[in-house]
Amino acid sequence: MDAALTSGQARTVLDENDIARAITRIAHEIVERNKGISGLVLLGIPSRGLPLAARISAQLERIDGGAVPLGSLDITMYRDDLRLRPARALEPTDIPARGVEGATVVLVDDVLYSGRTIRAALDAVSDFGRPRAIQLAVLVDRGHRELPIRPDFVGKNLPTSTDEKVAVRLREVDGFDGVTIMGGVA
């Protein structure tokens, strides 16, 4: 492992332009796979999945000319590790007026790691109806899955070790865009 990473320094792997290109590519792949945007609903998983979903939605509108219903899906109460983590504030869940029944729902998150957040999101979506299909879009797939979950759309595959941390920063939440990897403590 790189000595700079073990000393706690962060290494930037995606900058603002890289993130913009990844979002554009994901949007094009969504249109291609679904033969347009009809019947789509985007649900961002707070906190950074929501601004990513909004950016993807804007790209989809540019590509296909129509608006895609956009909402947010807080998965906190569906997590299987609630007793293991410190309490955190609930984020808003805002399901678009058209609902999810019969729709193709695209869940959007920033980083896919163990798959547990997405498992919780699948449980949460089922409380709001029965979609025709659920797809997953992530900015970063870092591997190390604990559950059989695979993203449909990926901005960047970043193979990491389990002692590394991946930090996604978005201007809507953090004031700037970037993805960094920080090594574990040596």
C-alpha atoms as a PDB file:
ATOM      1  CA  MET A   1       0.000   0.000   0.000  1.00  0.00           C
ATOM      2  CA  ASP A   2       1.116   3.558  -0.737  1.00  0.00           C
ATOM      3  CA  ALA A   3       2.898   5.098   2.279  1.00  0.00           C
ATOM      4  CA  ALA A   4       1.003   8.365   1.761  1.00  0.00           C
ATOM      5  CA  LEU A   5      -2.282   6.534   2.206  1.00  0.00           C
ATOM      6  CA  THR A   6      -1.247   4.737   5.364  1.00  0.00           C
ATOM      7  CA  SER A   7      -0.228   8.047   6.902  1.00  0.00           C
ATOM      8  CA  GLY A   8      -3.798   9.306   6.527  1.00  0.00           C
ATOM      9  CA  GLN A   9      -3.443  11.464   3.410  1.00  0.00           C
ATOM     10  CA  ALA A  10      -6.308  11.481   0.974  1.00  0.00           C
ATOM     11  CA  ARG A  11      -5.837  10.700  -2.703  1.00  0.00           C
ATOM     12  CA  THR A  12      -8.289  12.302  -5.126  1.00  0.00           C
ATOM     13  CA  VAL A  13      -9.634   9.762  -7.614  1.00  0.00           C
ATOM     14  CA  LEU A  14     -12.488  11.786  -9.185  1.00  0.00           C
ATOM     15  CA  ASP A  15     -12.670  15.539  -9.599  1.00  0.00           C
ATOM     16  CA  GLU A  16     -15.619  17.754 -10.579  1.00  0.00           C
ATOM     17  CA  ASN A  17     -15.220  17.024 -14.309  1.00  0.00           C
ATOM     18  CA  ASP A  18     -14.902  13.276 -13.731  1.00  0.00           C
ATOM     19  CA  ILE A  19     -18.101  13.270 -11.673  1.00  0.00           C
ATOM     20  CA  ALA A  20     -19.959  15.271 -14.345  1.00  0.00           C
ATOM     21  CA  ARG A  21     -18.849  12.798 -17.044  1.00  0.00           C
ATOM     22  CA  ALA A  22     -19.870   9.839 -14.890  1.00  0.00           C
ATOM     23  CA  ILE A  23     -23.335  11.306 -14.327  1.00  0.00           C
ATOM     24  CA  THR A  24     -23.773  11.973 -18.043  1.00  0.00           C
ATOM     25  CA  ARG A  25     -22.718   8.397 -18.862  1.00  0.00           C
ATOM     26  CA  ILE A  26     -25.068   6.934 -16.225  1.00  0.00           C
ATOM     27  CA  ALA A  27     -27.970   8.990 -17.621  1.00  0.00           C
ATOM     28  CA  HIS A  28     -27.282   7.787 -21.177  1.00  0.00           C
ATOM     29  CA  GLU A  29     -27.091   4.174 -19.959  1.00  0.00           C
ATOM     30  CA  ILE A  30     -30.408   4.547 -18.122  1.00  0.00           C
ATOM     31  CA  VAL A  31     -32.089   5.851 -21.291  1.00  0.00           C
ATOM     32  CA  GLU A  32     -30.564   3.091 -23.394  1.00  0.00           C
ATOM     33  CA  ARG A  33     -31.459   0.244 -21.027  1.00  0.00           C
ATOM     34  CA  ASN A  34     -35.024   1.496 -20.503  1.00  0.00           C
ATOM     35  CA  LYS A  35     -35.615   2.602 -24.109  1.00  0.00           C
ATOM     36  CA  GLY A  36     -36.363   6.128 -22.950  1.00  0.00           C
ATOM     37  CA  ILE A  37     -37.554   7.649 -19.691  1.00  0.00           C
ATOM     38  CA  SER A  38     -41.235   6.713 -19.742  1.00  0.00           C
ATOM     39  CA  GLY A  39     -42.257   5.016 -16.507  1.00  0.00           C
ATOM     40  CA  LEU A  40     -39.052   5.890 -14.641  1.00  0.00           C
ATOM     41  CA  VAL A  41     -38.896   7.177 -11.071  1.00  0.00           C
ATOM     42  CA  LEU A  42     -35.576   8.213  -9.491  1.00  0.00           C
ATOM     43  CA  LEU A  43     -35.166   7.817  -5.725  1.00  0.00           C
ATOM     44  CA  GLY A  44     -32.022   9.265  -4.160  1.00  0.00           C
ATOM     45  CA  ILE A  45     -30.781   7.812  -0.881  1.00  0.00           C
ATOM     46  CA  PRO A  46     -29.826  10.690   1.455  1.00  0.00           C
ATOM     47  CA  SER A  47     -27.580  12.313   1.926  1.00  0.00           C
ATOM     48  CA  ARG A  48     -25.444  12.306  -1.232  1.00  0.00           C
ATOM     49  CA  GLY A  49     -27.617   9.983  -3.308  1.00  0.00           C
ATOM     50  CA  LEU A  50     -30.292  12.661  -3.471  1.00  0.00           C
ATOM     51  CA  PRO A  51     -28.190  15.369  -5.197  1.00  0.00           C
ATOM     52  CA  LEU A  52     -26.778  12.693  -7.506  1.00  0.00           C
ATOM     53  CA  ALA A  53     -30.336  11.657  -8.409  1.00  0.00           C
ATOM     54  CA  ALA A  54     -31.218  15.303  -9.099  1.00  0.00           C
ATOM     55  CA  ARG A  55     -28.211  15.646 -11.406  1.00  0.00           C
ATOM     56  CA  ILE A  56     -29.084  12.424 -13.218  1.00  0.00           C
ATOM     57  CA  SER A  57     -32.686  13.617 -13.550  1.00  0.00           C
ATOM     58  CA  ALA A  58     -31.500  16.880 -15.139  1.00  0.00           C
ATOM     59  CA  GLN A  59     -29.340  14.920 -17.598  1.00  0.00           C
ATOM     60  CA  LEU A  60     -32.229  12.598 -18.458  1.00  0.00           C
ATOM     61  CA  GLU A  61     -34.382  15.634 -19.229  1.00  0.00           C
ATOM     62  CA  ARG A  62     -31.644  17.025 -21.521  1.00  0.00           C
ATOM     63  CA  ILE A  63     -31.256  13.676 -23.279  1.00  0.00           C
ATOM     64  CA  ASP A  64     -34.891  12.635 -23.666  1.00  0.00           C
ATOM     65  CA  GLY A  65     -36.777  15.914 -23.308  1.00  0.00           C
ATOM     66  CA  GLY A  66     -39.076  15.002 -20.440  1.00  0.00           C
ATOM     67  CA  ALA A  67     -39.026  15.244 -16.676  1.00  0.00           C
ATOM     68  CA  VAL A  68     -38.451  12.137 -14.580  1.00  0.00           C
ATOM     69  CA  PRO A  69     -40.219  12.018 -11.191  1.00  0.00           C
ATOM     70  CA  LEU A  70     -37.619  12.460  -8.459  1.00  0.00           C
ATOM     71  CA  GLY A  71     -37.853  11.624  -4.784  1.00  0.00           C
ATOM     72  CA  SER A  72     -35.803  10.716  -1.737  1.00  0.00           C
ATOM     73  CA  LEU A  73     -35.816   7.508   0.271  1.00  0.00           C
ATOM     74  CA  ASP A  74     -34.494   7.469   3.824  1.00  0.00           C
ATOM     75  CA  ILE A  75     -33.491   3.937   4.761  1.00  0.00           C
ATOM     76  CA  THR A  76     -32.403   4.549   8.360  1.00  0.00           C
ATOM     77  CA  MET A  77     -35.182   2.569  10.033  1.00  0.00           C
ATOM     78  CA  TYR A  78     -34.734  -0.333   7.593  1.00  0.00           C
ATOM     79  CA  ARG A  79     -31.054  -0.883   8.391  1.00  0.00           C
ATOM     80  CA  ASP A  80     -30.004  -4.160   9.996  1.00  0.00           C
ATOM     81  CA  ASP A  81     -27.243  -2.454  12.000  1.00  0.00           C
ATOM     82  CA  LEU A  82     -29.262   0.141  13.960  1.00  0.00           C
ATOM     83  CA  ARG A  83     -28.153  -1.281  17.300  1.00  0.00           C
ATOM     84  CA  LEU A  84     -24.499  -1.279  16.226  1.00  0.00           C
ATOM     85  CA  ARG A  85     -24.268   2.362  15.109  1.00  0.00           C
ATOM     86  CA  PRO A  86     -24.796   5.669  16.864  1.00  0.00           C
ATOM     87  CA  ALA A  87     -28.268   7.143  16.432  1.00  0.00           C
ATOM     88  CA  ARG A  88     -28.615   9.447  13.447  1.00  0.00           C
ATOM     89  CA  ALA A  89     -31.270  11.905  12.433  1.00  0.00           C
ATOM     90  CA  LEU A  90     -33.877  10.678  10.010  1.00  0.00           C
ATOM     91  CA  GLU A  91     -33.720  12.186   6.543  1.00  0.00           C
ATOM     92  CA  PRO A  92     -36.831  13.010   4.531  1.00  0.00           C
ATOM     93  CA  THR A  93     -38.584  10.398   2.443  1.00  0.00           C
ATOM     94  CA  ASP A  94     -40.415  12.039  -0.436  1.00  0.00           C
ATOM     95  CA  ILE A  95     -42.051   9.670  -2.903  1.00  0.00           C
ATOM     96  CA  PRO A  96     -43.175  11.409  -6.124  1.00  0.00           C
ATOM     97  CA  ALA A  97     -46.937  11.854  -6.595  1.00  0.00           C
ATOM     98  CA  ARG A  98     -47.051   9.157  -9.314  1.00  0.00           C
ATOM     99  CA  GLY A  99     -45.779   6.697  -6.689  1.00  0.00           C
ATOM    100  CA  VAL A 100     -43.702   3.598  -7.418  1.00  0.00           C
ATOM    101  CA  GLU A 101     -46.472   1.156  -8.290  1.00  0.00           C
ATOM    102  CA  GLY A 102     -45.710  -0.311 -11.734  1.00  0.00           C
ATOM    103  CA  ALA A 103     -42.777   2.076 -12.282  1.00  0.00           C
ATOM    104  CA  THR A 104     -39.163   1.327 -13.014  1.00  0.00           C
ATOM    105  CA  VAL A 105     -37.492   2.729  -9.915  1.00  0.00           C
ATOM    106  CA  VAL A 106     -33.853   3.742 -10.174  1.00  0.00           C
ATOM    107  CA  LEU A 107     -32.280   3.895  -6.710  1.00  0.00           C
ATOM    108  CA  VAL A 108     -29.344   6.321  -6.629  1.00  0.00           C
ATOM    109  CA  ASP A 109     -26.560   6.264  -4.035  1.00  0.00           C
ATOM    110  CA  ASP A 110     -23.038   7.600  -3.825  1.00  0.00           C
ATOM    111  CA  VAL A 111     -20.995   4.521  -2.816  1.00  0.00           C
ATOM    112  CA  LEU A 112     -21.837   0.827  -3.013  1.00  0.00           C
ATOM    113  CA  TYR A 113     -19.844  -1.172  -0.493  1.00  0.00           C
ATOM    114  CA  SER A 114     -21.331  -4.070   1.491  1.00  0.00           C
ATOM    115  CA  GLY A 115     -24.782  -3.818  -0.108  1.00  0.00           C
ATOM    116  CA  ARG A 116     -26.576  -3.385   3.218  1.00  0.00           C
ATOM    117  CA  THR A 117     -27.811   0.143   2.449  1.00  0.00           C
ATOM    118  CA  ILE A 118     -29.340  -1.075  -0.803  1.00  0.00           C
ATOM    119  CA  ARG A 119     -30.933  -4.067   0.934  1.00  0.00           C
ATOM    120  CA  ALA A 120     -32.548  -1.589   3.325  1.00  0.00           C
ATOM    121  CA  ALA A 121     -33.645   0.572   0.374  1.00  0.00           C
ATOM    122  CA  LEU A 122     -35.306  -2.426  -1.289  1.00  0.00           C
ATOM    123  CA  ASP A 123     -37.269  -3.054   1.906  1.00  0.00           C
ATOM    124  CA  ALA A 124     -38.235   0.625   2.120  1.00  0.00           C
ATOM    125  CA  VAL A 125     -39.431   0.789  -1.494  1.00  0.00           C
ATOM    126  CA  SER A 126     -41.694  -2.220  -0.942  1.00  0.00           C
ATOM    127  CA  ASP A 127     -43.565  -0.245   1.736  1.00  0.00           C
ATOM    128  CA  PHE A 128     -44.632   2.249  -0.955  1.00  0.00           C
ATOM    129  CA  GLY A 129     -45.829  -0.180  -3.598  1.00  0.00           C
ATOM    130  CA  ARG A 130     -44.696  -2.771  -6.097  1.00  0.00           C
ATOM    131  CA  PRO A 131     -42.478  -1.363  -8.832  1.00  0.00           C
ATOM    132  CA  ARG A 132     -42.250  -3.095 -12.203  1.00  0.00           C
ATOM    133  CA  ALA A 133     -38.471  -3.180 -11.708  1.00  0.00           C
ATOM    134  CA  ILE A 134     -35.814  -1.672  -9.454  1.00  0.00           C
ATOM    135  CA  GLN A 135     -32.446  -0.647 -10.858  1.00  0.00           C
ATOM    136  CA  LEU A 136     -29.411   0.705  -9.025  1.00  0.00           C
ATOM    137  CA  ALA A 137     -27.169   3.600 -10.021  1.00  0.00           C
ATOM    138  CA  VAL A 138     -24.071   4.424  -7.951  1.00  0.00           C
ATOM    139  CA  LEU A 139     -21.308   6.926  -8.445  1.00  0.00           C
ATOM    140  CA  VAL A 140     -18.686   4.584  -6.937  1.00  0.00           C
ATOM    141  CA  ASP A 141     -18.623   0.794  -6.607  1.00  0.00           C
ATOM    142  CA  ARG A 142     -15.802  -0.128  -4.239  1.00  0.00           C
ATOM    143  CA  GLY A 143     -16.453  -3.861  -3.978  1.00  0.00           C
ATOM    144  CA  HIS A 144     -16.474  -5.937  -0.763  1.00  0.00           C
ATOM    145  CA  ARG A 145     -20.104  -7.007  -1.079  1.00  0.00           C
ATOM    146  CA  GLU A 146     -21.663  -8.901   1.835  1.00  0.00           C
ATOM    147  CA  LEU A 147     -24.964  -9.378   0.011  1.00  0.00           C
ATOM    148  CA  PRO A 148     -25.744 -10.446  -3.571  1.00  0.00           C
ATOM    149  CA  ILE A 149     -26.377  -6.920  -4.844  1.00  0.00           C
ATOM    150  CA  ARG A 150     -25.003  -5.609  -8.131  1.00  0.00           C
ATOM    151  CA  PRO A 151     -25.363  -2.087  -9.540  1.00  0.00           C
ATOM    152  CA  ASP A 152     -26.924  -1.598 -12.972  1.00  0.00           C
ATOM    153  CA  PHE A 153     -25.159   1.725 -13.585  1.00  0.00           C
ATOM    154  CA  VAL A 154     -21.730   2.655 -12.182  1.00  0.00           C
ATOM    155  CA  GLY A 155     -19.832   5.913 -12.484  1.00  0.00           C
ATOM    156  CA  LYS A 156     -16.491   4.424 -11.397  1.00  0.00           C
ATOM    157  CA  ASN A 157     -15.331   1.052 -10.109  1.00  0.00           C
ATOM    158  CA  LEU A 158     -12.752   1.697  -7.379  1.00  0.00           C
ATOM    159  CA  PRO A 159     -11.182  -1.479  -6.039  1.00  0.00           C
ATOM    160  CA  THR A 160     -10.251  -0.701  -2.435  1.00  0.00           C
ATOM    161  CA  SER A 161      -9.004  -2.507   0.610  1.00  0.00           C
ATOM    162  CA  THR A 162     -11.330  -2.820   3.588  1.00  0.00           C
ATOM    163  CA  ASP A 163      -9.167  -0.461   5.656  1.00  0.00           C
ATOM    164  CA  GLU A 164      -9.517   2.354   3.131  1.00  0.00           C
ATOM    165  CA  LYS A 165     -12.287   4.942   3.237  1.00  0.00           C
ATOM    166  CA  VAL A 166     -13.981   6.399   0.153  1.00  0.00           C
ATOM    167  CA  ALA A 167     -15.312   9.926   0.617  1.00  0.00           C
ATOM    168  CA  VAL A 168     -17.722  11.429  -1.913  1.00  0.00           C
ATOM    169  CA  ARG A 169     -18.120  15.185  -1.702  1.00  0.00           C
ATOM    170  CA  LEU A 170     -20.836  17.013  -3.632  1.00  0.00           C
ATOM    171  CA  ARG A 171     -21.289  20.768  -3.933  1.00  0.00           C
ATOM    172  CA  GLU A 172     -24.932  20.557  -2.785  1.00  0.00           C
ATOM    173  CA  VAL A 173     -23.837  19.061   0.556  1.00  0.00           C
ATOM    174  CA  ASP A 174     -20.128  19.853   0.915  1.00  0.00           C
ATOM    175  CA  GLY A 175     -19.546  22.924  -1.268  1.00  0.00           C
ATOM    176  CA  PHE A 176     -17.378  21.111  -3.844  1.00  0.00           C
ATOM    177  CA  ASP A 177     -17.248  17.935  -5.931  1.00  0.00           C
ATOM    178  CA  GLY A 178     -14.643  15.221  -5.481  1.00  0.00           C
ATOM    179  CA  VAL A 179     -14.049  11.604  -4.535  1.00  0.00           C
ATOM    180  CA  THR A 180     -11.086  10.700  -2.391  1.00  0.00           C
ATOM    181  CA  ILE A 181      -9.638   7.523  -0.937  1.00  0.00           C
ATOM    182  CA  MET A 182      -7.993   7.645   2.448  1.00  0.00           C
ATOM    183  CA  GLY A 183      -5.883   4.753   3.621  1.00  0.00           C
ATOM    184  CA  GLY A 184      -6.369   2.977   6.894  1.00  0.00           C
ATOM    185  CA  VAL A 185      -4.203   3.567   9.933  1.00  0.00           C
ATOM    186  CA  ALA A 186      -0.938   1.657   9.717  1.00  0.00           C
END
